[in-house]
PDB file of all heavy atoms in Angstrom:
ATOM      1  N   ALA A   1     111.426 173.133  39.293  1.00  0.00           N
ATOM      2  CA  ALA A   1     110.936 174.486  39.587  1.00  0.00           C
ATOM      3  C   ALA A   1     110.158 175.099  38.424  1.00  0.00           C
ATOM      4  O   ALA A   1     109.936 176.308  38.404  1.00  0.00           O
ATOM      5  CB  ALA A   1     112.108 175.387  39.970  1.00  0.00           C
ATOM      6  N   ARG A   2     109.764 174.285  37.457  1.00  0.00           N
ATOM      7  CA  ARG A   2     108.992 174.818  36.329  1.00  0.00           C
ATOM      8  C   ARG A   2     107.705 175.458  36.828  1.00  0.00           C
ATOM      9  O   ARG A   2     107.013 174.909  37.681  1.00  0.00           O
ATOM     10  CB  ARG A   2     108.665 173.705  35.341  1.00  0.00           C
ATOM     11  CG  ARG A   2     109.869 173.153  34.610  1.00  0.00           C
ATOM     12  CD  ARG A   2     109.494 172.013  33.678  1.00  0.00           C
ATOM     13  NE  ARG A   2     108.681 172.482  32.559  1.00  0.00           N
ATOM     14  CZ  ARG A   2     108.160 171.670  31.642  1.00  0.00           C
ATOM     15  NH1 ARG A   2     108.341 170.363  31.736  1.00  0.00           N
ATOM     16  NH2 ARG A   2     107.458 172.165  30.649  1.00  0.00           N
ATOM     17  N   GLY A   3     107.411 176.631  36.297  1.00  0.00           N
ATOM     18  CA  GLY A   3     106.219 177.354  36.730  1.00  0.00           C
ATOM     19  C   GLY A   3     106.453 178.257  37.914  1.00  0.00           C
ATOM     20  O   GLY A   3     105.555 179.021  38.293  1.00  0.00           O
ATOM     21  N   LYS A   4     107.619 178.183  38.529  1.00  0.00           N
ATOM     22  CA  LYS A   4     107.912 178.983  39.717  1.00  0.00           C
ATOM     23  C   LYS A   4     109.063 179.963  39.497  1.00  0.00           C
ATOM     24  O   LYS A   4     109.034 181.076  40.007  1.00  0.00           O
ATOM     25  CB  LYS A   4     108.268 178.063  40.893  1.00  0.00           C
ATOM     26  CG  LYS A   4     107.187 177.046  41.243  1.00  0.00           C
ATOM     27  CD  LYS A   4     107.688 176.098  42.332  1.00  0.00           C
ATOM     28  CE  LYS A   4     106.657 175.013  42.616  1.00  0.00           C
ATOM     29  NZ  LYS A   4     107.163 174.043  43.632  1.00  0.00           N
ATOM     30  N   GLU A   5     110.088 179.511  38.773  1.00  0.00           N
ATOM     31  CA  GLU A   5     111.271 180.348  38.658  1.00  0.00           C
ATOM     32  C   GLU A   5     111.151 181.348  37.507  1.00  0.00           C
ATOM     33  O   GLU A   5     110.327 181.176  36.605  1.00  0.00           O
ATOM     34  CB  GLU A   5     112.511 179.467  38.480  1.00  0.00           C
ATOM     35  CG  GLU A   5     112.420 178.484  37.346  1.00  0.00           C
ATOM     36  CD  GLU A   5     113.560 177.463  37.408  1.00  0.00           C
ATOM     37  OE1 GLU A   5     114.306 177.454  38.385  1.00  0.00           O
ATOM     38  OE2 GLU A   5     113.683 176.686  36.446  1.00  0.00           O
ATOM     39  N   PRO A   6     111.956 182.398  37.543  1.00  0.00           N
ATOM     40  CA  PRO A   6     111.852 183.462  36.537  1.00  0.00           C
ATOM     41  C   PRO A   6     112.461 183.056  35.201  1.00  0.00           C
ATOM     42  O   PRO A   6     113.188 182.062  35.101  1.00  0.00           O
ATOM     43  CB  PRO A   6     112.648 184.608  37.165  1.00  0.00           C
ATOM     44  CG  PRO A   6     113.670 183.916  38.009  1.00  0.00           C
ATOM     45  CD  PRO A   6     112.968 182.698  38.570  1.00  0.00           C
ATOM     46  N   PHE A   7     112.153 183.853  34.180  1.00  0.00           N
ATOM     47  CA  PHE A   7     112.789 183.715  32.878  1.00  0.00           C
ATOM     48  C   PHE A   7     113.863 184.783  32.738  1.00  0.00           C
ATOM     49  O   PHE A   7     113.691 185.914  33.190  1.00  0.00           O
ATOM     50  CB  PHE A   7     111.758 183.844  31.760  1.00  0.00           C
ATOM     51  CG  PHE A   7     110.968 182.589  31.517  1.00  0.00           C
ATOM     52  CD1 PHE A   7     109.977 182.188  32.398  1.00  0.00           C
ATOM     53  CD2 PHE A   7     111.243 181.795  30.414  1.00  0.00           C
ATOM     54  CE1 PHE A   7     109.261 181.025  32.176  1.00  0.00           C
ATOM     55  CE2 PHE A   7     110.533 180.631  30.177  1.00  0.00           C
ATOM     56  CZ  PHE A   7     109.537 180.241  31.069  1.00  0.00           C
ATOM     57  N   VAL A   8     114.955 184.407  32.103  1.00  0.00           N
ATOM     58  CA  VAL A   8     116.103 185.290  31.966  1.00  0.00           C
ATOM     59  C   VAL A   8     116.290 185.618  30.488  1.00  0.00           C
ATOM     60  O   VAL A   8     116.344 184.715  29.648  1.00  0.00           O
ATOM     61  CB  VAL A   8     117.384 184.629  32.517  1.00  0.00           C
ATOM     62  CG1 VAL A   8     118.580 185.563  32.356  1.00  0.00           C
ATOM     63  CG2 VAL A   8     117.187 184.235  33.980  1.00  0.00           C
ATOM     64  N   GLU A   9     116.393 186.913  30.177  1.00  0.00           N
ATOM     65  CA  GLU A   9     116.624 187.308  28.788  1.00  0.00           C
ATOM     66  C   GLU A   9     118.046 186.936  28.368  1.00  0.00           C
ATOM     67  O   GLU A   9     118.999 187.112  29.127  1.00  0.00           O
ATOM     68  CB  GLU A   9     116.401 188.808  28.615  1.00  0.00           C
ATOM     69  CG  GLU A   9     114.932 189.211  28.725  1.00  0.00           C
ATOM     70  CD  GLU A   9     114.713 190.678  28.384  1.00  0.00           C
ATOM     71  OE1 GLU A   9     115.714 191.427  28.332  1.00  0.00           O
ATOM     72  OE2 GLU A   9     113.554 191.067  28.175  1.00  0.00           O
ATOM     73  N   VAL A  10     118.144 186.422  27.120  1.00  0.00           N
ATOM     74  CA  VAL A  10     119.445 186.039  26.571  1.00  0.00           C
ATOM     75  C   VAL A  10     119.536 186.577  25.142  1.00  0.00           C
ATOM     76  O   VAL A  10     118.545 187.018  24.561  1.00  0.00           O
ATOM     77  CB  VAL A  10     119.635 184.500  26.570  1.00  0.00           C
ATOM     78  CG1 VAL A  10     119.633 183.961  27.988  1.00  0.00           C
ATOM     79  CG2 VAL A  10     118.550 183.823  25.728  1.00  0.00           C
ATOM     80  N   SER A  11     120.714 186.509  24.567  1.00  0.00           N
ATOM     81  CA  SER A  11     120.892 186.941  23.183  1.00  0.00           C
ATOM     82  C   SER A  11     120.316 185.879  22.245  1.00  0.00           C
ATOM     83  O   SER A  11     120.084 184.723  22.628  1.00  0.00           O
ATOM     84  CB  SER A  11     122.377 187.146  22.892  1.00  0.00           C
ATOM     85  OG  SER A  11     123.061 185.898  22.919  1.00  0.00           O
ATOM     86  N   TRP A  12     120.135 186.283  20.975  1.00  0.00           N
ATOM     87  CA  TRP A  12     119.642 185.321  19.989  1.00  0.00           C
ATOM     88  C   TRP A  12     120.658 184.197  19.774  1.00  0.00           C
ATOM     89  O   TRP A  12     120.282 183.038  19.566  1.00  0.00           O
ATOM     90  CB  TRP A  12     119.353 186.031  18.664  1.00  0.00           C
ATOM     91  CG  TRP A  12     117.997 186.667  18.637  1.00  0.00           C
ATOM     92  CD1 TRP A  12     117.698 187.981  18.749  1.00  0.00           C
ATOM     93  CD2 TRP A  12     116.746 185.978  18.507  1.00  0.00           C
ATOM     94  NE1 TRP A  12     116.336 188.182  18.697  1.00  0.00           N
ATOM     95  CE2 TRP A  12     115.724 186.975  18.547  1.00  0.00           C
ATOM     96  CE3 TRP A  12     116.383 184.643  18.372  1.00  0.00           C
ATOM     97  CZ2 TRP A  12     114.370 186.652  18.452  1.00  0.00           C
ATOM     98  CZ3 TRP A  12     115.025 184.320  18.270  1.00  0.00           C
ATOM     99  CH2 TRP A  12     114.041 185.302  18.314  1.00  0.00           C
ATOM    100  N   ASP A  13     121.923 184.509  19.833  1.00  0.00           N
ATOM    101  CA  ASP A  13     122.950 183.474  19.671  1.00  0.00           C
ATOM    102  C   ASP A  13     122.829 182.409  20.748  1.00  0.00           C
ATOM    103  O   ASP A  13     122.912 181.204  20.464  1.00  0.00           O
ATOM    104  CB  ASP A  13     124.348 184.097  19.703  1.00  0.00           C
ATOM    105  CG  ASP A  13     124.692 184.825  18.407  1.00  0.00           C
ATOM    106  OD1 ASP A  13     124.002 184.569  17.396  1.00  0.00           O
ATOM    107  OD2 ASP A  13     125.624 185.648  18.417  1.00  0.00           O
ATOM    108  N   VAL A  14     122.637 182.853  21.986  1.00  0.00           N
ATOM    109  CA  VAL A  14     122.492 181.900  23.098  1.00  0.00           C
ATOM    110  C   VAL A  14     121.212 181.086  22.931  1.00  0.00           C
ATOM    111  O   VAL A  14     121.198 179.856  23.095  1.00  0.00           O
ATOM    112  CB  VAL A  14     122.491 182.643  24.444  1.00  0.00           C
ATOM    113  CG1 VAL A  14     122.102 181.695  25.575  1.00  0.00           C
ATOM    114  CG2 VAL A  14     123.860 183.259  24.719  1.00  0.00           C
ATOM    115  N   ALA A  15     120.104 181.748  22.589  1.00  0.00           N
ATOM    116  CA  ALA A  15     118.824 181.051  22.440  1.00  0.00           C
ATOM    117  C   ALA A  15     118.883 180.011  21.326  1.00  0.00           C
ATOM    118  O   ALA A  15     118.430 178.868  21.504  1.00  0.00           O
ATOM    119  CB  ALA A  15     117.718 182.069  22.159  1.00  0.00           C
ATOM    120  N   LEU A  16     119.435 180.380  20.183  1.00  0.00           N
ATOM    121  CA  LEU A  16     119.521 179.450  19.060  1.00  0.00           C
ATOM    122  C   LEU A  16     120.439 178.276  19.378  1.00  0.00           C
ATOM    123  O   LEU A  16     120.180 177.134  18.987  1.00  0.00           O
ATOM    124  CB  LEU A  16     120.005 180.186  17.808  1.00  0.00           C
ATOM    125  CG  LEU A  16     119.012 181.200  17.218  1.00  0.00           C
ATOM    126  CD1 LEU A  16     119.671 182.010  16.108  1.00  0.00           C
ATOM    127  CD2 LEU A  16     117.768 180.499  16.689  1.00  0.00           C
ATOM    128  N   THR A  17     121.516 178.536  20.110  1.00  0.00           N
ATOM    129  CA  THR A  17     122.424 177.457  20.500  1.00  0.00           C
ATOM    130  C   THR A  17     121.733 176.475  21.436  1.00  0.00           C
ATOM    131  O   THR A  17     121.883 175.252  21.298  1.00  0.00           O
ATOM    132  CB  THR A  17     123.688 178.029  21.172  1.00  0.00           C
ATOM    133  OG1 THR A  17     124.379 178.875  20.243  1.00  0.00           O
ATOM    134  CG2 THR A  17     124.619 176.910  21.618  1.00  0.00           C
ATOM    135  N   LEU A  18     120.954 176.991  22.378  1.00  0.00           N
ATOM    136  CA  LEU A  18     120.220 176.118  23.302  1.00  0.00           C
ATOM    137  C   LEU A  18     119.239 175.222  22.549  1.00  0.00           C
ATOM    138  O   LEU A  18     119.149 174.014  22.815  1.00  0.00           O
ATOM    139  CB  LEU A  18     119.469 176.964  24.328  1.00  0.00           C
ATOM    140  CG  LEU A  18     120.313 177.660  25.400  1.00  0.00           C
ATOM    141  CD1 LEU A  18     119.446 178.619  26.214  1.00  0.00           C
ATOM    142  CD2 LEU A  18     120.955 176.625  26.329  1.00  0.00           C
ATOM    143  N   VAL A  19     118.506 175.797  21.609  1.00  0.00           N
ATOM    144  CA  VAL A  19     117.537 175.016  20.844  1.00  0.00           C
ATOM    145  C   VAL A  19     118.244 173.972  19.980  1.00  0.00           C
ATOM    146  O   VAL A  19     117.836 172.798  19.924  1.00  0.00           O
ATOM    147  CB  VAL A  19     116.673 175.947  19.963  1.00  0.00           C
ATOM    148  CG1 VAL A  19     115.787 175.127  19.035  1.00  0.00           C
ATOM    149  CG2 VAL A  19     115.814 176.854  20.830  1.00  0.00           C
ATOM    150  N   ALA A  20     119.305 174.385  19.293  1.00  0.00           N
ATOM    151  CA  ALA A  20     120.044 173.460  18.424  1.00  0.00           C
ATOM    152  C   ALA A  20     120.630 172.304  19.217  1.00  0.00           C
ATOM    153  O   ALA A  20     120.563 171.136  18.800  1.00  0.00           O
ATOM    154  CB  ALA A  20     121.146 174.224  17.685  1.00  0.00           C
ATOM    155  N   ASP A  21     121.214 172.606  20.367  1.00  0.00           N
ATOM    156  CA  ASP A  21     121.818 171.559  21.203  1.00  0.00           C
ATOM    157  C   ASP A  21     120.757 170.576  21.688  1.00  0.00           C
ATOM    158  O   ASP A  21     120.989 169.358  21.722  1.00  0.00           O
ATOM    159  CB  ASP A  21     122.542 172.178  22.400  1.00  0.00           C
ATOM    160  CG  ASP A  21     123.815 172.908  22.001  1.00  0.00           C
ATOM    161  OD1 ASP A  21     124.256 172.729  20.850  1.00  0.00           O
ATOM    162  OD2 ASP A  21     124.352 173.654  22.845  1.00  0.00           O
ATOM    163  N   GLU A  22     119.589 171.083  22.076  1.00  0.00           N
ATOM    164  CA  GLU A  22     118.543 170.204  22.590  1.00  0.00           C
ATOM    165  C   GLU A  22     117.961 169.327  21.485  1.00  0.00           C
ATOM    166  O   GLU A  22     117.697 168.138  21.690  1.00  0.00           O
ATOM    167  CB  GLU A  22     117.434 171.033  23.249  1.00  0.00           C
ATOM    168  CG  GLU A  22     116.343 170.214  23.919  1.00  0.00           C
ATOM    169  CD  GLU A  22     116.840 169.387  25.100  1.00  0.00           C
ATOM    170  OE1 GLU A  22     118.001 169.571  25.525  1.00  0.00           O
ATOM    171  OE2 GLU A  22     116.062 168.549  25.599  1.00  0.00           O
ATOM    172  N   LEU A  23     117.769 169.895  20.299  1.00  0.00           N
ATOM    173  CA  LEU A  23     117.293 169.089  19.180  1.00  0.00           C
ATOM    174  C   LEU A  23     118.287 167.975  18.850  1.00  0.00           C
ATOM    175  O   LEU A  23     117.892 166.819  18.611  1.00  0.00           O
ATOM    176  CB  LEU A  23     117.070 169.974  17.957  1.00  0.00           C
ATOM    177  CG  LEU A  23     115.791 170.799  17.916  1.00  0.00           C
ATOM    178  CD1 LEU A  23     115.831 171.785  16.752  1.00  0.00           C
ATOM    179  CD2 LEU A  23     114.571 169.894  17.798  1.00  0.00           C
ATOM    180  N   ALA A  24     119.561 168.325  18.842  1.00  0.00           N
ATOM    181  CA  ALA A  24     120.584 167.321  18.553  1.00  0.00           C
ATOM    182  C   ALA A  24     120.604 166.238  19.627  1.00  0.00           C
ATOM    183  O   ALA A  24     120.753 165.039  19.316  1.00  0.00           O
ATOM    184  CB  ALA A  24     121.962 167.990  18.442  1.00  0.00           C
ATOM    185  N   ARG A  25     120.430 166.623  20.898  1.00  0.00           N
ATOM    186  CA  ARG A  25     120.440 165.637  21.990  1.00  0.00           C
ATOM    187  C   ARG A  25     119.261 164.674  21.858  1.00  0.00           C
ATOM    188  O   ARG A  25     119.423 163.446  21.967  1.00  0.00           O
ATOM    189  CB  ARG A  25     120.373 166.362  23.341  1.00  0.00           C
ATOM    190  CG  ARG A  25     120.392 165.427  24.552  1.00  0.00           C
ATOM    191  CD  ARG A  25     120.066 166.155  25.841  1.00  0.00           C
ATOM    192  NE  ARG A  25     118.663 166.554  25.898  1.00  0.00           N
ATOM    193  CZ  ARG A  25     117.658 165.726  26.247  1.00  0.00           C
ATOM    194  NH1 ARG A  25     117.923 164.444  26.547  1.00  0.00           N
ATOM    195  NH2 ARG A  25     116.422 166.175  26.307  1.00  0.00           N
ATOM    196  N   VAL A  26     118.081 165.200  21.630  1.00  0.00           N
ATOM    197  CA  VAL A  26     116.893 164.349  21.523  1.00  0.00           C
ATOM    198  C   VAL A  26     117.012 163.412  20.320  1.00  0.00           C
ATOM    199  O   VAL A  26     116.686 162.220  20.399  1.00  0.00           O
ATOM    200  CB  VAL A  26     115.625 165.221  21.415  1.00  0.00           C
ATOM    201  CG1 VAL A  26     114.402 164.361  21.114  1.00  0.00           C
ATOM    202  CG2 VAL A  26     115.412 165.999  22.702  1.00  0.00           C
ATOM    203  N   LYS A  27     117.504 163.948  19.209  1.00  0.00           N
ATOM    204  CA  LYS A  27     117.663 163.118  18.009  1.00  0.00           C
ATOM    205  C   LYS A  27     118.641 161.978  18.250  1.00  0.00           C
ATOM    206  O   LYS A  27     118.393 160.827  17.863  1.00  0.00           O
ATOM    207  CB  LYS A  27     118.129 163.982  16.839  1.00  0.00           C
ATOM    208  CG  LYS A  27     118.318 163.217  15.537  1.00  0.00           C
ATOM    209  CD  LYS A  27     118.719 164.154  14.407  1.00  0.00           C
ATOM    210  CE  LYS A  27     118.886 163.397  13.093  1.00  0.00           C
ATOM    211  NZ  LYS A  27     119.219 164.307  11.967  1.00  0.00           N
ATOM    212  N   GLN A  28     119.747 162.284  18.917  1.00  0.00           N
ATOM    213  CA  GLN A  28     120.772 161.272  19.151  1.00  0.00           C
ATOM    214  C   GLN A  28     120.303 160.214  20.145  1.00  0.00           C
ATOM    215  O   GLN A  28     120.539 159.023  19.957  1.00  0.00           O
ATOM    216  CB  GLN A  28     122.045 161.937  19.655  1.00  0.00           C
ATOM    217  CG  GLN A  28     123.194 160.951  19.910  1.00  0.00           C
ATOM    218  CD  GLN A  28     124.456 161.641  20.409  1.00  0.00           C
ATOM    219  OE1 GLN A  28     124.422 162.795  20.798  1.00  0.00           O
ATOM    220  NE2 GLN A  28     125.576 160.937  20.376  1.00  0.00           N
ATOM    221  N   GLN A  29     119.619 160.641  21.209  1.00  0.00           N
ATOM    222  CA  GLN A  29     119.238 159.715  22.273  1.00  0.00           C
ATOM    223  C   GLN A  29     117.935 158.974  21.994  1.00  0.00           C
ATOM    224  O   GLN A  29     117.770 157.824  22.411  1.00  0.00           O
ATOM    225  CB  GLN A  29     119.132 160.469  23.603  1.00  0.00           C
ATOM    226  CG  GLN A  29     120.454 161.024  24.109  1.00  0.00           C
ATOM    227  CD  GLN A  29     120.324 161.704  25.469  1.00  0.00           C
ATOM    228  OE1 GLN A  29     119.283 161.626  26.118  1.00  0.00           O
ATOM    229  NE2 GLN A  29     121.390 162.364  25.900  1.00  0.00           N
TER     230      GLN A  29
END
């Protein structure tokens, strides 16, 4: 649904956690 669904505002803690988790996943895999 990229390009179709809305964006949801989140806190900085949530945003930073999402980025950190994704970087760690890509690095590991």
